[in-house]
Structure formats: structure tokens, C-alpha cells
Amino acid sequence: DVIVVAACPPDRQLERLTARGLTREDAE
């Protein structure tokens, strides 16, 4: 019935993923 999107800019996604241990290439 309703859609909620949690969002942030892609550079923040990349920052968070690399902080989790992924390489930049894998995160991208």
C-alpha cells in the first residue's frame, strides 16, 4: 500500500561499505 525509501547519496553508500571491509571496487 505504501513505499518508504531510506536514501543517502552514493558516496555515503561507498563510505559505509568500505568501512565494513569491502574494497572500493567491490563496493562500487
PDB file of all heavy atoms in Angstrom:
ATOM      1  N   ASP A   1       0.812  -1.206   0.000  1.00  0.00           N
ATOM      2  CA  ASP A   1       0.000   0.000   0.000  1.00  0.00           C
ATOM      3  C   ASP A   1       0.850   1.262   0.000  1.00  0.00           C
ATOM      4  O   ASP A   1       0.469   2.279  -0.577  1.00  0.00           O
ATOM      5  CB  ASP A   1      -0.904   0.024   1.241  1.00  0.00           C
ATOM      6  CG  ASP A   1      -1.775  -1.207   1.342  1.00  0.00           C
ATOM      7  OD1 ASP A   1      -2.485  -1.503   0.357  1.00  0.00           O
ATOM      8  OD2 ASP A   1      -1.746  -1.885   2.382  1.00  0.00           O
ATOM      9  N   VAL A   2       1.985   1.211   0.683  1.00  0.00           N
ATOM     10  CA  VAL A   2       2.849   2.381   0.871  1.00  0.00           C
ATOM     11  C   VAL A   2       4.295   1.937   0.711  1.00  0.00           C
ATOM     12  O   VAL A   2       4.667   0.848   1.153  1.00  0.00           O
ATOM     13  CB  VAL A   2       2.650   3.008   2.277  1.00  0.00           C
ATOM     14  CG1 VAL A   2       3.573   4.204   2.471  1.00  0.00           C
ATOM     15  CG2 VAL A   2       1.201   3.411   2.492  1.00  0.00           C
ATOM     16  N   ILE A   3       5.109   2.799   0.094  1.00  0.00           N
ATOM     17  CA  ILE A   3       6.535   2.512  -0.067  1.00  0.00           C
ATOM     18  C   ILE A   3       7.351   3.613   0.591  1.00  0.00           C
ATOM     19  O   ILE A   3       7.164   4.797   0.320  1.00  0.00           O
ATOM     20  CB  ILE A   3       6.922   2.400  -1.553  1.00  0.00           C
ATOM     21  CG1 ILE A   3       6.198   1.209  -2.186  1.00  0.00           C
ATOM     22  CG2 ILE A   3       8.437   2.240  -1.706  1.00  0.00           C
ATOM     23  CD1 ILE A   3       6.348   1.122  -3.675  1.00  0.00           C
ATOM     24  N   VAL A   4       8.254   3.194   1.474  1.00  0.00           N
ATOM     25  CA  VAL A   4       9.183   4.106   2.146  1.00  0.00           C
ATOM     26  C   VAL A   4      10.586   3.793   1.653  1.00  0.00           C
ATOM     27  O   VAL A   4      10.994   2.621   1.630  1.00  0.00           O
ATOM     28  CB  VAL A   4       9.120   3.930   3.679  1.00  0.00           C
ATOM     29  CG1 VAL A   4      10.105   4.880   4.365  1.00  0.00           C
ATOM     30  CG2 VAL A   4       7.701   4.161   4.192  1.00  0.00           C
ATOM     31  N   VAL A   5      11.322   4.821   1.259  1.00  0.00           N
ATOM     32  CA  VAL A   5      12.693   4.630   0.788  1.00  0.00           C
ATOM     33  C   VAL A   5      13.658   5.281   1.772  1.00  0.00           C
ATOM     34  O   VAL A   5      13.521   6.464   2.098  1.00  0.00           O
ATOM     35  CB  VAL A   5      12.890   5.219  -0.624  1.00  0.00           C
ATOM     36  CG1 VAL A   5      14.379   5.270  -0.990  1.00  0.00           C
ATOM     37  CG2 VAL A   5      12.134   4.387  -1.653  1.00  0.00           C
ATOM     38  N   ALA A   6      14.614   4.500   2.257  1.00  0.00           N
ATOM     39  CA  ALA A   6      15.728   5.025   3.041  1.00  0.00           C
ATOM     40  C   ALA A   6      16.846   5.334   2.055  1.00  0.00           C
ATOM     41  O   ALA A   6      17.268   4.458   1.291  1.00  0.00           O
ATOM     42  CB  ALA A   6      16.189   3.999   4.070  1.00  0.00           C
ATOM     43  N   ALA A   7      17.317   6.580   2.057  1.00  0.00           N
ATOM     44  CA  ALA A   7      18.230   7.002   0.996  1.00  0.00           C
ATOM     45  C   ALA A   7      19.370   7.854   1.530  1.00  0.00           C
ATOM     46  O   ALA A   7      19.238   8.560   2.540  1.00  0.00           O
ATOM     47  CB  ALA A   7      17.458   7.801  -0.062  1.00  0.00           C
ATOM     48  N   CYS A   8      20.490   7.757   0.834  1.00  0.00           N
ATOM     49  CA  CYS A   8      21.618   8.653   1.061  1.00  0.00           C
ATOM     50  C   CYS A   8      22.386   8.724  -0.256  1.00  0.00           C
ATOM     51  O   CYS A   8      22.194   7.881  -1.138  1.00  0.00           O
ATOM     52  CB  CYS A   8      22.511   8.159   2.199  1.00  0.00           C
ATOM     53  SG  CYS A   8      23.373   6.612   1.865  1.00  0.00           S
ATOM     54  N   PRO A   9      23.245   9.730  -0.448  1.00  0.00           N
ATOM     55  CA  PRO A   9      23.997   9.824  -1.700  1.00  0.00           C
ATOM     56  C   PRO A   9      24.922   8.625  -1.897  1.00  0.00           C
ATOM     57  O   PRO A   9      25.390   8.019  -0.923  1.00  0.00           O
ATOM     58  CB  PRO A   9      24.805  11.117  -1.522  1.00  0.00           C
ATOM     59  CG  PRO A   9      24.053  11.901  -0.497  1.00  0.00           C
ATOM     60  CD  PRO A   9      23.481  10.892   0.440  1.00  0.00           C
ATOM     61  N   PRO A  10      25.202   8.265  -3.142  1.00  0.00           N
ATOM     62  CA  PRO A  10      26.076   7.116  -3.418  1.00  0.00           C
ATOM     63  C   PRO A  10      27.448   7.201  -2.756  1.00  0.00           C
ATOM     64  O   PRO A  10      28.010   6.166  -2.381  1.00  0.00           O
ATOM     65  CB  PRO A  10      26.190   7.128  -4.946  1.00  0.00           C
ATOM     66  CG  PRO A  10      24.888   7.727  -5.399  1.00  0.00           C
ATOM     67  CD  PRO A  10      24.581   8.786  -4.381  1.00  0.00           C
ATOM     68  N   ASP A  11      27.991   8.401  -2.586  1.00  0.00           N
ATOM     69  CA  ASP A  11      29.304   8.486  -1.943  1.00  0.00           C
ATOM     70  C   ASP A  11      29.236   8.071  -0.472  1.00  0.00           C
ATOM     71  O   ASP A  11      30.193   7.505   0.065  1.00  0.00           O
ATOM     72  CB  ASP A  11      29.911   9.883  -2.098  1.00  0.00           C
ATOM     73  CG  ASP A  11      29.067  10.983  -1.480  1.00  0.00           C
ATOM     74  OD1 ASP A  11      27.858  10.772  -1.260  1.00  0.00           O
ATOM     75  OD2 ASP A  11      29.627  12.074  -1.215  1.00  0.00           O
ATOM     76  N   ARG A  12      28.074   8.298   0.165  1.00  0.00           N
ATOM     77  CA  ARG A  12      27.900   7.838   1.538  1.00  0.00           C
ATOM     78  C   ARG A  12      27.741   6.322   1.578  1.00  0.00           C
ATOM     79  O   ARG A  12      28.244   5.656   2.481  1.00  0.00           O
ATOM     80  CB  ARG A  12      26.679   8.507   2.171  1.00  0.00           C
ATOM     81  CG  ARG A  12      26.859   9.981   2.462  1.00  0.00           C
ATOM     82  CD  ARG A  12      27.778  10.193   3.658  1.00  0.00           C
ATOM     83  NE  ARG A  12      27.077   9.922   4.916  1.00  0.00           N
ATOM     84  CZ  ARG A  12      27.611   9.305   5.956  1.00  0.00           C
ATOM     85  NH1 ARG A  12      28.849   8.843   5.890  1.00  0.00           N
ATOM     86  NH2 ARG A  12      26.925   9.134   7.070  1.00  0.00           N
ATOM     87  N   GLN A  13      27.028   5.761   0.585  1.00  0.00           N
ATOM     88  CA  GLN A  13      26.936   4.304   0.497  1.00  0.00           C
ATOM     89  C   GLN A  13      28.335   3.699   0.383  1.00  0.00           C
ATOM     90  O   GLN A  13      28.663   2.718   1.073  1.00  0.00           O
ATOM     91  CB  GLN A  13      26.122   3.883  -0.733  1.00  0.00           C
ATOM     92  CG  GLN A  13      24.642   4.192  -0.682  1.00  0.00           C
ATOM     93  CD  GLN A  13      23.958   3.777  -1.974  1.00  0.00           C
ATOM     94  OE1 GLN A  13      23.789   4.592  -2.875  1.00  0.00           O
ATOM     95  NE2 GLN A  13      23.576   2.517  -2.073  1.00  0.00           N
ATOM     96  N   LEU A  14      29.152   4.279  -0.490  1.00  0.00           N
ATOM     97  CA  LEU A  14      30.504   3.775  -0.712  1.00  0.00           C
ATOM     98  C   LEU A  14      31.331   3.865   0.567  1.00  0.00           C
ATOM     99  O   LEU A  14      32.039   2.919   0.937  1.00  0.00           O
ATOM    100  CB  LEU A  14      31.165   4.583  -1.831  1.00  0.00           C
ATOM    101  CG  LEU A  14      32.503   4.092  -2.357  1.00  0.00           C
ATOM    102  CD1 LEU A  14      32.376   2.686  -2.915  1.00  0.00           C
ATOM    103  CD2 LEU A  14      33.033   5.051  -3.421  1.00  0.00           C
ATOM    104  N   GLU A  15      31.209   4.970   1.264  1.00  0.00           N
ATOM    105  CA  GLU A  15      31.940   5.167   2.515  1.00  0.00           C
ATOM    106  C   GLU A  15      31.544   4.106   3.552  1.00  0.00           C
ATOM    107  O   GLU A  15      32.399   3.528   4.235  1.00  0.00           O
ATOM    108  CB  GLU A  15      31.648   6.566   3.039  1.00  0.00           C
ATOM    109  CG  GLU A  15      32.264   6.904   4.383  1.00  0.00           C
ATOM    110  CD  GLU A  15      31.817   8.264   4.875  1.00  0.00           C
ATOM    111  OE1 GLU A  15      31.619   9.177   4.037  1.00  0.00           O
ATOM    112  OE2 GLU A  15      31.650   8.425   6.101  1.00  0.00           O
ATOM    113  N   ARG A  16      30.262   3.845   3.657  1.00  0.00           N
ATOM    114  CA  ARG A  16      29.783   2.870   4.643  1.00  0.00           C
ATOM    115  C   ARG A  16      30.221   1.453   4.282  1.00  0.00           C
ATOM    116  O   ARG A  16      30.587   0.666   5.157  1.00  0.00           O
ATOM    117  CB  ARG A  16      28.257   2.947   4.743  1.00  0.00           C
ATOM    118  CG  ARG A  16      27.765   4.238   5.375  1.00  0.00           C
ATOM    119  CD  ARG A  16      26.262   4.402   5.225  1.00  0.00           C
ATOM    120  NE  ARG A  16      25.782   5.627   5.844  1.00  0.00           N
ATOM    121  CZ  ARG A  16      24.531   6.069   5.764  1.00  0.00           C
ATOM    122  NH1 ARG A  16      23.633   5.376   5.072  1.00  0.00           N
ATOM    123  NH2 ARG A  16      24.180   7.198   6.356  1.00  0.00           N
ATOM    124  N   LEU A  17      30.172   1.118   3.001  1.00  0.00           N
ATOM    125  CA  LEU A  17      30.551  -0.231   2.585  1.00  0.00           C
ATOM    126  C   LEU A  17      32.041  -0.488   2.775  1.00  0.00           C
ATOM    127  O   LEU A  17      32.440  -1.579   3.209  1.00  0.00           O
ATOM    128  CB  LEU A  17      30.151  -0.462   1.128  1.00  0.00           C
ATOM    129  CG  LEU A  17      28.657  -0.619   0.871  1.00  0.00           C
ATOM    130  CD1 LEU A  17      28.362  -0.639  -0.622  1.00  0.00           C
ATOM    131  CD2 LEU A  17      28.128  -1.897   1.525  1.00  0.00           C
ATOM    132  N   THR A  18      32.868   0.479   2.462  1.00  0.00           N
ATOM    133  CA  THR A  18      34.310   0.285   2.662  1.00  0.00           C
ATOM    134  C   THR A  18      34.638   0.231   4.151  1.00  0.00           C
ATOM    135  O   THR A  18      35.566  -0.484   4.558  1.00  0.00           O
ATOM    136  CB  THR A  18      35.122   1.387   1.967  1.00  0.00           C
ATOM    137  OG1 THR A  18      34.658   2.688   2.392  1.00  0.00           O
ATOM    138  CG2 THR A  18      34.990   1.291   0.452  1.00  0.00           C
ATOM    139  N   ALA A  19      33.856   0.935   4.972  1.00  0.00           N
ATOM    140  CA  ALA A  19      34.053   0.849   6.424  1.00  0.00           C
ATOM    141  C   ALA A  19      33.707  -0.535   6.949  1.00  0.00           C
ATOM    142  O   ALA A  19      34.212  -0.964   7.999  1.00  0.00           O
ATOM    143  CB  ALA A  19      33.211   1.910   7.131  1.00  0.00           C
ATOM    144  N   ARG A  20      32.859  -1.261   6.217  1.00  0.00           N
ATOM    145  CA  ARG A  20      32.509  -2.637   6.599  1.00  0.00           C
ATOM    146  C   ARG A  20      33.559  -3.644   6.153  1.00  0.00           C
ATOM    147  O   ARG A  20      33.444  -4.832   6.438  1.00  0.00           O
ATOM    148  CB  ARG A  20      31.164  -3.031   5.988  1.00  0.00           C
ATOM    149  CG  ARG A  20      29.986  -2.226   6.483  1.00  0.00           C
ATOM    150  CD  ARG A  20      28.711  -2.662   5.763  1.00  0.00           C
ATOM    151  NE  ARG A  20      27.577  -1.803   6.070  1.00  0.00           N
ATOM    152  CZ  ARG A  20      26.373  -1.917   5.506  1.00  0.00           C
ATOM    153  NH1 ARG A  20      26.169  -2.872   4.603  1.00  0.00           N
ATOM    154  NH2 ARG A  20      25.399  -1.094   5.830  1.00  0.00           N
ATOM    155  N   GLY A  21      34.558  -3.183   5.396  1.00  0.00           N
ATOM    156  CA  GLY A  21      35.625  -4.076   4.987  1.00  0.00           C
ATOM    157  C   GLY A  21      35.667  -4.415   3.512  1.00  0.00           C
ATOM    158  O   GLY A  21      36.572  -5.118   3.062  1.00  0.00           O
ATOM    159  N   LEU A  22      34.696  -3.932   2.733  1.00  0.00           N
ATOM    160  CA  LEU A  22      34.727  -4.187   1.297  1.00  0.00           C
ATOM    161  C   LEU A  22      35.768  -3.300   0.629  1.00  0.00           C
ATOM    162  O   LEU A  22      36.024  -2.177   1.068  1.00  0.00           O
ATOM    163  CB  LEU A  22      33.363  -3.894   0.668  1.00  0.00           C
ATOM    164  CG  LEU A  22      32.208  -4.845   1.003  1.00  0.00           C
ATOM    165  CD1 LEU A  22      30.955  -4.391   0.276  1.00  0.00           C
ATOM    166  CD2 LEU A  22      32.538  -6.271   0.632  1.00  0.00           C
ATOM    167  N   THR A  23      36.363  -3.793  -0.448  1.00  0.00           N
ATOM    168  CA  THR A  23      37.228  -2.932  -1.245  1.00  0.00           C
ATOM    169  C   THR A  23      36.358  -1.917  -1.980  1.00  0.00           C
ATOM    170  O   THR A  23      35.152  -2.133  -2.156  1.00  0.00           O
ATOM    171  CB  THR A  23      38.024  -3.738  -2.274  1.00  0.00           C
ATOM    172  OG1 THR A  23      37.114  -4.297  -3.239  1.00  0.00           O
ATOM    173  CG2 THR A  23      38.806  -4.869  -1.601  1.00  0.00           C
ATOM    174  N   ARG A  24      36.958  -0.848  -2.414  1.00  0.00           N
ATOM    175  CA  ARG A  24      36.201   0.165  -3.143  1.00  0.00           C
ATOM    176  C   ARG A  24      35.586  -0.437  -4.404  1.00  0.00           C
ATOM    177  O   ARG A  24      34.431  -0.157  -4.742  1.00  0.00           O
ATOM    178  CB  ARG A  24      37.100   1.354  -3.507  1.00  0.00           C
ATOM    179  CG  ARG A  24      36.360   2.487  -4.214  1.00  0.00           C
ATOM    180  CD  ARG A  24      37.289   3.628  -4.581  1.00  0.00           C
ATOM    181  NE  ARG A  24      36.535   4.704  -5.227  1.00  0.00           N
ATOM    182  CZ  ARG A  24      35.953   5.700  -4.584  1.00  0.00           C
ATOM    183  NH1 ARG A  24      36.040   5.759  -3.260  1.00  0.00           N
ATOM    184  NH2 ARG A  24      35.296   6.630  -5.239  1.00  0.00           N
ATOM    185  N   GLU A  25      36.348  -1.298  -5.082  1.00  0.00           N
ATOM    186  CA  GLU A  25      35.851  -1.916  -6.311  1.00  0.00           C
ATOM    187  C   GLU A  25      34.634  -2.798  -6.025  1.00  0.00           C
ATOM    188  O   GLU A  25      33.632  -2.735  -6.735  1.00  0.00           O
ATOM    189  CB  GLU A  25      36.954  -2.741  -6.966  1.00  0.00           C
ATOM    190  CG  GLU A  25      36.545  -3.379  -8.285  1.00  0.00           C
ATOM    191  CD  GLU A  25      37.663  -4.210  -8.891  1.00  0.00           C
ATOM    192  OE1 GLU A  25      38.519  -4.700  -8.120  1.00  0.00           O
ATOM    193  OE2 GLU A  25      37.676  -4.362 -10.121  1.00  0.00           O
ATOM    194  N   ASP A  26      34.715  -3.619  -4.979  1.00  0.00           N
ATOM    195  CA  ASP A  26      33.588  -4.483  -4.632  1.00  0.00           C
ATOM    196  C   ASP A  26      32.376  -3.651  -4.226  1.00  0.00           C
ATOM    197  O   ASP A  26      31.236  -3.974  -4.580  1.00  0.00           O
ATOM    198  CB  ASP A  26      33.962  -5.434  -3.493  1.00  0.00           C
ATOM    199  CG  ASP A  26      34.825  -6.590  -3.962  1.00  0.00           C
ATOM    200  OD1 ASP A  26      34.869  -6.831  -5.188  1.00  0.00           O
ATOM    201  OD2 ASP A  26      35.447  -7.248  -3.108  1.00  0.00           O
ATOM    202  N   ALA A  27      32.613  -2.589  -3.468  1.00  0.00           N
ATOM    203  CA  ALA A  27      31.515  -1.729  -3.035  1.00  0.00           C
ATOM    204  C   ALA A  27      30.824  -1.073  -4.224  1.00  0.00           C
ATOM    205  O   ALA A  27      29.592  -1.014  -4.296  1.00  0.00           O
ATOM    206  CB  ALA A  27      32.037  -0.662  -2.073  1.00  0.00           C
ATOM    207  N   GLU A  28      31.613  -0.597  -5.171  1.00  0.00           N
ATOM    208  CA  GLU A  28      31.036   0.044  -6.357  1.00  0.00           C
ATOM    209  C   GLU A  28      30.214  -0.945  -7.169  1.00  0.00           C
ATOM    210  O   GLU A  28      29.148  -0.597  -7.696  1.00  0.00           O
ATOM    211  CB  GLU A  28      32.151   0.653  -7.206  1.00  0.00           C
ATOM    212  CG  GLU A  28      32.780   1.893  -6.578  1.00  0.00           C
ATOM    213  CD  GLU A  28      33.974   2.403  -7.367  1.00  0.00           C
ATOM    214  OE1 GLU A  28      34.548   1.610  -8.166  1.00  0.00           O
ATOM    215  OE2 GLU A  28      34.342   3.578  -7.178  1.00  0.00           O
TER     216      GLU A  28
END
